[in-house]
PDB file of N, CA and C in Angstrom:
ATOM      1  N   UNK A   1     -37.603  -3.814  23.681  1.00  0.00           N
ATOM      2  CA  UNK A   1     -37.460  -4.017  24.514  1.00  0.00           C
ATOM      3  C   UNK A   1     -36.830  -5.073  25.109  1.00  0.00           C
ATOM      4  N   UNK A   2     -35.945  -5.346  23.678  1.00  0.00           N
ATOM      5  CA  UNK A   2     -34.884  -6.551  23.758  1.00  0.00           C
ATOM      6  C   UNK A   2     -33.699  -5.336  23.503  1.00  0.00           C
ATOM      7  N   UNK A   3     -33.597  -4.431  22.481  1.00  0.00           N
ATOM      8  CA  UNK A   3     -32.300  -3.412  22.392  1.00  0.00           C
ATOM      9  C   UNK A   3     -31.787  -2.986  23.732  1.00  0.00           C
ATOM     10  N   UNK A   4     -33.363  -2.575  24.916  1.00  0.00           N
ATOM     11  CA  UNK A   4     -33.124  -1.824  26.521  1.00  0.00           C
ATOM     12  C   UNK A   4     -32.206  -2.901  27.091  1.00  0.00           C
ATOM     13  N   UNK A   5     -32.576  -4.239  26.955  1.00  0.00           N
ATOM     14  CA  UNK A   5     -32.073  -5.168  27.718  1.00  0.00           C
ATOM     15  C   UNK A   5     -30.464  -5.238  27.756  1.00  0.00           C
ATOM     16  N   UNK A   6     -30.704  -5.454  25.757  1.00  0.00           N
ATOM     17  CA  UNK A   6     -29.021  -5.419  25.541  1.00  0.00           C
ATOM     18  C   UNK A   6     -27.466  -4.211  26.083  1.00  0.00           C
ATOM     19  N   UNK A   7     -28.399  -3.543  26.397  1.00  0.00           N
ATOM     20  CA  UNK A   7     -27.787  -1.928  26.530  1.00  0.00           C
ATOM     21  C   UNK A   7     -27.498  -2.331  27.481  1.00  0.00           C
ATOM     22  N   UNK A   8     -28.960  -2.399  28.546  1.00  0.00           N
ATOM     23  CA  UNK A   8     -28.280  -2.951  30.110  1.00  0.00           C
ATOM     24  C   UNK A   8     -27.279  -3.772  30.511  1.00  0.00           C
ATOM     25  N   UNK A   9     -26.752  -4.985  29.615  1.00  0.00           N
ATOM     26  CA  UNK A   9     -26.102  -5.330  29.750  1.00  0.00           C
ATOM     27  C   UNK A   9     -25.184  -5.679  29.055  1.00  0.00           C
ATOM     28  N   UNK A  10     -25.024  -5.106  28.211  1.00  0.00           N
ATOM     29  CA  UNK A  10     -23.837  -4.156  27.948  1.00  0.00           C
ATOM     30  C   UNK A  10     -23.105  -3.537  28.846  1.00  0.00           C
ATOM     31  N   UNK A  11     -23.583  -2.577  29.045  1.00  0.00           N
ATOM     32  CA  UNK A  11     -23.076  -1.278  30.376  1.00  0.00           C
ATOM     33  C   UNK A  11     -23.022  -2.071  31.669  1.00  0.00           C
ATOM     34  N   UNK A  12     -23.317  -2.936  32.235  1.00  0.00           N
ATOM     35  CA  UNK A  12     -23.450  -4.039  33.152  1.00  0.00           C
ATOM     36  C   UNK A  12     -21.776  -4.810  33.079  1.00  0.00           C
ATOM     37  N   UNK A  13     -21.577  -5.356  31.879  1.00  0.00           N
ATOM     38  CA  UNK A  13     -20.512  -5.858  30.857  1.00  0.00           C
ATOM     39  C   UNK A  13     -19.219  -5.648  31.198  1.00  0.00           C
ATOM     40  N   UNK A  14     -19.434  -3.396  31.147  1.00  0.00           N
ATOM     41  CA  UNK A  14     -17.930  -2.614  30.890  1.00  0.00           C
ATOM     42  C   UNK A  14     -17.400  -3.009  32.180  1.00  0.00           C
ATOM     43  N   UNK A  15     -18.552  -2.623  33.334  1.00  0.00           N
ATOM     44  CA  UNK A  15     -18.311  -2.256  34.997  1.00  0.00           C
ATOM     45  C   UNK A  15     -17.331  -3.461  35.452  1.00  0.00           C
ATOM     46  N   UNK A  16     -18.348  -4.429  35.298  1.00  0.00           N
ATOM     47  CA  UNK A  16     -16.745  -6.048  35.832  1.00  0.00           C
ATOM     48  C   UNK A  16     -15.443  -5.495  34.531  1.00  0.00           C
ATOM     49  N   UNK A  17     -15.809  -5.815  33.565  1.00  0.00           N
ATOM     50  CA  UNK A  17     -14.518  -5.392  33.079  1.00  0.00           C
ATOM     51  C   UNK A  17     -13.150  -4.907  33.781  1.00  0.00           C
ATOM     52  N   UNK A  18     -14.070  -3.378  33.667  1.00  0.00           N
ATOM     53  CA  UNK A  18     -13.510  -2.099  34.258  1.00  0.00           C
ATOM     54  C   UNK A  18     -13.117  -2.934  35.770  1.00  0.00           C
ATOM     55  N   UNK A  19     -14.206  -3.363  36.928  1.00  0.00           N
ATOM     56  CA  UNK A  19     -13.633  -3.742  38.136  1.00  0.00           C
ATOM     57  C   UNK A  19     -12.394  -4.636  38.365  1.00  0.00           C
ATOM     58  N   UNK A  20     -13.256  -6.140  37.229  1.00  0.00           N
ATOM     59  CA  UNK A  20     -11.474  -6.912  37.573  1.00  0.00           C
ATOM     60  C   UNK A  20     -10.785  -6.165  37.157  1.00  0.00           C
ATOM     61  N   UNK A  21     -10.238  -5.908  36.019  1.00  0.00           N
ATOM     62  CA  UNK A  21      -9.457  -5.439  35.777  1.00  0.00           C
ATOM     63  C   UNK A  21      -8.475  -4.287  36.855  1.00  0.00           C
ATOM     64  N   UNK A  22      -9.264  -3.232  37.742  1.00  0.00           N
ATOM     65  CA  UNK A  22      -8.902  -2.362  39.053  1.00  0.00           C
ATOM     66  C   UNK A  22      -8.477  -3.632  39.856  1.00  0.00           C
ATOM     67  N   UNK A  23      -8.994  -4.826  40.302  1.00  0.00           N
ATOM     68  CA  UNK A  23      -8.734  -5.686  41.297  1.00  0.00           C
ATOM     69  C   UNK A  23      -7.915  -5.995  40.798  1.00  0.00           C
ATOM     70  N   UNK A  24      -6.683  -6.693  39.367  1.00  0.00           N
ATOM     71  CA  UNK A  24      -5.819  -7.604  39.516  1.00  0.00           C
ATOM     72  C   UNK A  24      -5.007  -6.119  39.550  1.00  0.00           C
ATOM     73  N   UNK A  25      -5.018  -5.139  39.597  1.00  0.00           N
ATOM     74  CA  UNK A  25      -3.392  -4.322  39.487  1.00  0.00           C
ATOM     75  C   UNK A  25      -2.576  -4.452  40.904  1.00  0.00           C
ATOM     76  N   UNK A  26      -3.135  -4.620  41.685  1.00  0.00           N
ATOM     77  CA  UNK A  26      -2.231  -4.356  43.238  1.00  0.00           C
ATOM     78  C   UNK A  26      -1.332  -5.521  42.751  1.00  0.00           C
ATOM     79  N   UNK A  27      -1.637  -6.860  42.539  1.00  0.00           N
ATOM     80  CA  UNK A  27      -0.990  -7.807  43.098  1.00  0.00           C
ATOM     81  C   UNK A  27       0.108  -7.879  41.839  1.00  0.00           C
ATOM     82  N   UNK A  28      -0.636  -7.670  39.824  1.00  0.00           N
ATOM     83  CA  UNK A  28       0.590  -7.663  39.082  1.00  0.00           C
ATOM     84  C   UNK A  28       1.008  -6.144  38.922  1.00  0.00           C
ATOM     85  N   UNK A  29       1.148  -5.764  39.975  1.00  0.00           N
ATOM     86  CA  UNK A  29       2.075  -4.653  40.487  1.00  0.00           C
ATOM     87  C   UNK A  29       3.431  -4.880  41.443  1.00  0.00           C
ATOM     88  N   UNK A  30       2.972  -5.990  42.435  1.00  0.00           N
ATOM     89  CA  UNK A  30       3.389  -6.296  43.347  1.00  0.00           C
ATOM     90  C   UNK A  30       4.312  -7.436  42.191  1.00  0.00           C
ATOM     91  N   UNK A  31       3.899  -8.047  41.549  1.00  0.00           N
ATOM     92  CA  UNK A  31       4.744  -8.980  40.555  1.00  0.00           C
ATOM     93  C   UNK A  31       5.425  -8.596  39.474  1.00  0.00           C
ATOM     94  N   UNK A  32       4.840  -7.490  38.986  1.00  0.00           N
ATOM     95  CA  UNK A  32       6.065  -6.780  38.577  1.00  0.00           C
ATOM     96  C   UNK A  32       7.326  -6.230  39.293  1.00  0.00           C
ATOM     97  N   UNK A  33       7.003  -6.132  40.852  1.00  0.00           N
ATOM     98  CA  UNK A  33       8.633  -5.716  41.234  1.00  0.00           C
ATOM     99  C   UNK A  33       9.002  -6.685  41.850  1.00  0.00           C
ATOM    100  N   UNK A  34       8.895  -8.434  41.962  1.00  0.00           N
ATOM    101  CA  UNK A  34       9.241  -8.797  42.374  1.00  0.00           C
ATOM    102  C   UNK A  34      10.227  -9.735  40.753  1.00  0.00           C
ATOM    103  N   UNK A  35       9.424  -9.660  39.709  1.00  0.00           N
ATOM    104  CA  UNK A  35      10.332  -9.853  38.381  1.00  0.00           C
ATOM    105  C   UNK A  35      11.828  -8.417  38.596  1.00  0.00           C
ATOM    106  N   UNK A  36      10.920  -7.132  38.920  1.00  0.00           N
ATOM    107  CA  UNK A  36      12.261  -7.267  38.388  1.00  0.00           C
ATOM    108  C   UNK A  36      13.384  -6.465  39.831  1.00  0.00           C
ATOM    109  N   UNK A  37      13.357  -6.687  40.648  1.00  0.00           N
ATOM    110  CA  UNK A  37      14.151  -7.536  41.924  1.00  0.00           C
ATOM    111  C   UNK A  37      14.716  -8.576  41.565  1.00  0.00           C
ATOM    112  N   UNK A  38      14.192  -9.941  40.711  1.00  0.00           N
ATOM    113  CA  UNK A  38      15.205 -10.808  39.855  1.00  0.00           C
ATOM    114  C   UNK A  38      15.539 -10.249  38.488  1.00  0.00           C
ATOM    115  N   UNK A  39      15.522  -9.129  37.897  1.00  0.00           N
ATOM    116  CA  UNK A  39      16.467  -9.334  37.355  1.00  0.00           C
ATOM    117  C   UNK A  39      15.961  -9.789  35.886  1.00  0.00           C
ATOM    118  N   UNK A  40      14.861 -10.220  35.901  1.00  0.00           N
ATOM    119  CA  UNK A  40      13.616 -11.058  35.139  1.00  0.00           C
ATOM    120  C   UNK A  40      13.119 -10.012  34.504  1.00  0.00           C
ATOM    121  N   UNK A  41      12.734 -10.947  32.512  1.00  0.00           N
ATOM    122  CA  UNK A  41      12.526  -9.631  31.313  1.00  0.00           C
ATOM    123  C   UNK A  41      11.139 -10.274  31.631  1.00  0.00           C
ATOM    124  N   UNK A  42       9.986  -9.629  30.986  1.00  0.00           N
ATOM    125  CA  UNK A  42       8.699  -9.902  30.303  1.00  0.00           C
ATOM    126  C   UNK A  42       7.953  -9.224  29.925  1.00  0.00           C
ATOM    127  N   UNK A  43       7.232  -9.380  29.456  1.00  0.00           N
ATOM    128  CA  UNK A  43       6.004  -9.225  28.427  1.00  0.00           C
ATOM    129  C   UNK A  43       4.788  -9.273  29.143  1.00  0.00           C
ATOM    130  N   UNK A  44       4.114  -7.671  28.946  1.00  0.00           N
ATOM    131  CA  UNK A  44       2.409  -8.059  29.770  1.00  0.00           C
ATOM    132  C   UNK A  44       1.125  -7.618  28.119  1.00  0.00           C
ATOM    133  N   UNK A  45       0.635  -8.241  28.585  1.00  0.00           N
ATOM    134  CA  UNK A  45      -0.568  -7.497  27.442  1.00  0.00           C
ATOM    135  C   UNK A  45      -1.620  -7.636  27.805  1.00  0.00           C
ATOM    136  N   UNK A  46      -1.801  -6.018  27.932  1.00  0.00           N
ATOM    137  CA  UNK A  46      -2.832  -5.892  28.507  1.00  0.00           C
ATOM    138  C   UNK A  46      -4.389  -4.943  27.790  1.00  0.00           C
ATOM    139  N   UNK A  47      -5.774  -4.876  28.263  1.00  0.00           N
ATOM    140  CA  UNK A  47      -6.490  -4.963  26.809  1.00  0.00           C
ATOM    141  C   UNK A  47      -7.201  -3.545  28.033  1.00  0.00           C
ATOM    142  N   UNK A  48      -7.156  -3.537  29.137  1.00  0.00           N
ATOM    143  CA  UNK A  48      -8.042  -2.480  29.643  1.00  0.00           C
ATOM    144  C   UNK A  48      -7.226  -1.496  29.294  1.00  0.00           C
ATOM    145  N   UNK A  49      -8.122  -0.523  28.893  1.00  0.00           N
ATOM    146  CA  UNK A  49      -7.231   0.855  28.622  1.00  0.00           C
ATOM    147  C   UNK A  49      -6.612   1.451  30.145  1.00  0.00           C
ATOM    148  N   UNK A  50      -7.788   1.695  31.086  1.00  0.00           N
ATOM    149  CA  UNK A  50      -7.284   2.163  32.271  1.00  0.00           C
ATOM    150  C   UNK A  50      -6.428   1.133  33.190  1.00  0.00           C
ATOM    151  N   UNK A  51      -5.987   0.369  33.416  1.00  0.00           N
ATOM    152  CA  UNK A  51      -5.347  -0.582  33.304  1.00  0.00           C
ATOM    153  C   UNK A  51      -3.458  -0.453  32.875  1.00  0.00           C
ATOM    154  N   UNK A  52      -3.414  -0.575  31.720  1.00  0.00           N
ATOM    155  CA  UNK A  52      -3.302   0.096  30.457  1.00  0.00           C
ATOM    156  C   UNK A  52      -2.551   1.456  31.570  1.00  0.00           C
ATOM    157  N   UNK A  53      -2.758   2.231  31.810  1.00  0.00           N
ATOM    158  CA  UNK A  53      -2.495   4.136  32.449  1.00  0.00           C
ATOM    159  C   UNK A  53      -1.995   3.237  33.931  1.00  0.00           C
ATOM    160  N   UNK A  54      -1.921   2.815  34.408  1.00  0.00           N
ATOM    161  CA  UNK A  54      -2.038   2.468  35.327  1.00  0.00           C
ATOM    162  C   UNK A  54      -0.326   1.767  35.706  1.00  0.00           C
ATOM    163  N   UNK A  55      -0.718   0.813  34.678  1.00  0.00           N
ATOM    164  CA  UNK A  55       0.852   0.151  34.529  1.00  0.00           C
ATOM    165  C   UNK A  55       1.900   0.547  34.191  1.00  0.00           C
ATOM    166  N   UNK A  56       1.617   1.588  32.842  1.00  0.00           N
ATOM    167  CA  UNK A  56       2.669   2.652  32.115  1.00  0.00           C
ATOM    168  C   UNK A  56       3.093   3.671  33.861  1.00  0.00           C
ATOM    169  N   UNK A  57       2.145   4.116  34.650  1.00  0.00           N
ATOM    170  CA  UNK A  57       2.583   4.838  35.528  1.00  0.00           C
ATOM    171  C   UNK A  57       3.291   4.281  36.600  1.00  0.00           C
ATOM    172  N   UNK A  58       3.226   3.182  36.788  1.00  0.00           N
ATOM    173  CA  UNK A  58       3.773   2.120  37.740  1.00  0.00           C
ATOM    174  C   UNK A  58       5.673   1.591  37.468  1.00  0.00           C
ATOM    175  N   UNK A  59       5.218   1.819  36.356  1.00  0.00           N
ATOM    176  CA  UNK A  59       6.268   1.433  35.648  1.00  0.00           C
ATOM    177  C   UNK A  59       7.436   2.695  35.199  1.00  0.00           C
ATOM    178  N   UNK A  60       7.174   3.518  35.520  1.00  0.00           N
ATOM    179  CA  UNK A  60       7.733   5.036  35.001  1.00  0.00           C
ATOM    180  C   UNK A  60       7.729   5.618  36.105  1.00  0.00           C
ATOM    181  N   UNK A  61       7.299   5.430  37.033  1.00  0.00           N
ATOM    182  CA  UNK A  61       7.591   4.908  38.359  1.00  0.00           C
ATOM    183  C   UNK A  61       8.540   4.868  38.714  1.00  0.00           C
ATOM    184  N   UNK A  62       8.875   3.173  38.641  1.00  0.00           N
ATOM    185  CA  UNK A  62      10.663   2.079  38.564  1.00  0.00           C
ATOM    186  C   UNK A  62      11.460   2.533  38.117  1.00  0.00           C
ATOM    187  N   UNK A  63      11.302   3.415  36.684  1.00  0.00           N
ATOM    188  CA  UNK A  63      12.352   3.844  36.405  1.00  0.00           C
ATOM    189  C   UNK A  63      12.414   2.996  35.123  1.00  0.00           C
ATOM    190  N   UNK A  64      11.197   1.887  34.610  1.00  0.00           N
ATOM    191  CA  UNK A  64      11.108   0.922  33.911  1.00  0.00           C
ATOM    192  C   UNK A  64      11.168   0.916  32.756  1.00  0.00           C
ATOM    193  N   UNK A  65      11.743   0.827  31.448  1.00  0.00           N
ATOM    194  CA  UNK A  65      11.862   0.830  29.860  1.00  0.00           C
ATOM    195  C   UNK A  65      10.424   0.042  29.605  1.00  0.00           C
ATOM    196  N   UNK A  66       9.346   0.752  28.813  1.00  0.00           N
ATOM    197  CA  UNK A  66       8.677  -0.498  28.324  1.00  0.00           C
ATOM    198  C   UNK A  66       8.142   0.200  26.472  1.00  0.00           C
ATOM    199  N   UNK A  67       7.390  -1.116  26.134  1.00  0.00           N
ATOM    200  CA  UNK A  67       6.617   0.066  24.843  1.00  0.00           C
ATOM    201  C   UNK A  67       5.449  -0.559  24.707  1.00  0.00           C
ATOM    202  N   UNK A  68       4.851   0.327  24.828  1.00  0.00           N
ATOM    203  CA  UNK A  68       3.319   0.542  24.474  1.00  0.00           C
ATOM    204  C   UNK A  68       3.143   0.612  22.723  1.00  0.00           C
ATOM    205  N   UNK A  69       3.190  -1.161  22.266  1.00  0.00           N
ATOM    206  CA  UNK A  69       2.273  -0.893  21.589  1.00  0.00           C
ATOM    207  C   UNK A  69       1.091  -0.654  20.356  1.00  0.00           C
ATOM    208  N   UNK A  70      -0.133  -1.058  21.904  1.00  0.00           N
ATOM    209  CA  UNK A  70      -1.395   0.026  20.955  1.00  0.00           C
ATOM    210  C   UNK A  70      -1.901   0.077  20.170  1.00  0.00           C
ATOM    211  N   UNK A  71      -1.128   1.947  20.037  1.00  0.00           N
ATOM    212  CA  UNK A  71      -1.336   2.403  19.279  1.00  0.00           C
ATOM    213  C   UNK A  71      -1.277   1.870  18.022  1.00  0.00           C
ATOM    214  N   UNK A  72      -0.382   1.144  17.683  1.00  0.00           N
ATOM    215  CA  UNK A  72      -0.077   0.395  15.658  1.00  0.00           C
ATOM    216  C   UNK A  72      -0.590  -1.185  16.165  1.00  0.00           C
ATOM    217  N   UNK A  73      -2.096  -1.020  16.916  1.00  0.00           N
ATOM    218  CA  UNK A  73      -3.659  -1.358  15.938  1.00  0.00           C
ATOM    219  C   UNK A  73      -4.667  -0.565  16.580  1.00  0.00           C
ATOM    220  N   UNK A  74      -4.894   0.368  16.933  1.00  0.00           N
ATOM    221  CA  UNK A  74      -6.028   1.058  16.886  1.00  0.00           C
ATOM    222  C   UNK A  74      -6.631   1.010  15.947  1.00  0.00           C
ATOM    223  N   UNK A  75      -8.285   0.776  16.136  1.00  0.00           N
ATOM    224  CA  UNK A  75      -8.653   0.868  14.296  1.00  0.00           C
ATOM    225  C   UNK A  75      -9.196   1.987  14.067  1.00  0.00           C
ATOM    226  N   UNK A  76      -8.785   1.615  12.637  1.00  0.00           N
ATOM    227  CA  UNK A  76      -9.340   3.319  12.065  1.00  0.00           C
ATOM    228  C   UNK A  76     -11.566   3.627  12.139  1.00  0.00           C
ATOM    229  N   UNK A  77     -11.803   4.475  11.950  1.00  0.00           N
ATOM    230  CA  UNK A  77     -12.927   5.059  11.660  1.00  0.00           C
ATOM    231  C   UNK A  77     -13.681   5.161  10.563  1.00  0.00           C
ATOM    232  N   UNK A  78     -12.661   4.436   9.752  1.00  0.00           N
ATOM    233  CA  UNK A  78     -13.476   4.795   8.269  1.00  0.00           C
ATOM    234  C   UNK A  78     -14.672   4.360   7.660  1.00  0.00           C
TER     235      UNK A  78
END
């Protein structure tokens, strides 16, 4: 029973994690546009892969070069 409750809570947490990341995305892109307009350099740290994909698309659309370092931190499945 406890295992089922834990799985259910984990599923809820994942949904909330995704939704909060997506909810912040429009404002984050607006902030990026403001920084670009003012020629300000910036660093963005993203933990949510869906948000990362959306940011990569937004930066590419704006022809902004970026470096994604997440492949260097991928955990091996040994």
